[in-house]
């Protein structure tokens, strides 16, 4: 099986056509491998919940290749009705056909919450076969992600997907897209308000009194960082954030260095927080506080920055 996701119904492609109705061509699909063994014919017991899935939750049509396109109008049938998490093997059913995941059977003390019949002893092989066969496309497919995964791994993948939607951090800019497209957009549309730098190289920034943030963009990979600046009662506080997918979490570290006119030095070495949608926020626990005697007479604060790209050990 394979499914891709859209905002509307989720279609399914199944080879071995048996039904024919109209379904939207623009929707995504599930594909059953053609060389899967034919099941033995004959009557078999179909639990009530599975009957609902096949009758009320699915619409189907044949295409030119003989596949069945099935529209899954209720994706919740692939989730545990108790905890609402995606179903994983093993799946159990009570005598009335209500299903539950293994952990929920233990939580409800093996008593079906729908009908009070025993649950947790009889496997629901049909549902298990479905959830093990269904392959789901990432919701970021339209941004370039070509990964497919089993339905119960979908949420885990999308949290780490490098094609996750990133939003332009520039105030009032509505742009959203993959990180690479956002970086390209930022470098073109907001170049005038950006300081360019190179990894592993110390560069100089002069922070004004009323500047709450300064945008930084790397010269070659175009990754966007933000220097946060907050005025406090006895000085200024500084930290750096990064805009991009969560896969960048362990990729960078930065150093902020402040020097006073008397040559005193303060520094902070830290890992930037990663945001797909960045906005101004109070500084968190990791920041550098610089006292007022480090400022120029004009109130500006001179600092040196170095953003390093971390090479993971093999």
Foldseek 3Di string as FASTA:
>chain_A
DEWEDDPAWTKAKEAPDDDADDDDPPHIYHYDDPPDDDDDDDDDDDAPLNVCQVPVQWDWHQDPVRIIIITGRDVQSQAAPPPSAGAAPFWKAFPRGRIGHQVVCVVVVQQDPVPRGGMNPHTPVVSNVVQVRYWYFANLVVQPDPDIDGPNCRVVCQLQPQFHKFAAAPPPDGDIGGQQVSLVCCCPVVVVQEAEDAAQDKDKDKAAPPDQWGWYAYDPSSWIKIWGWDADDFFIKIDMATEGHCNCQPFKKKKKWAAAPVGDIDMFIGGHHYHSHDYDDPDDDGIDGDGQRSADPNRITMMMMHMHTDDDDD
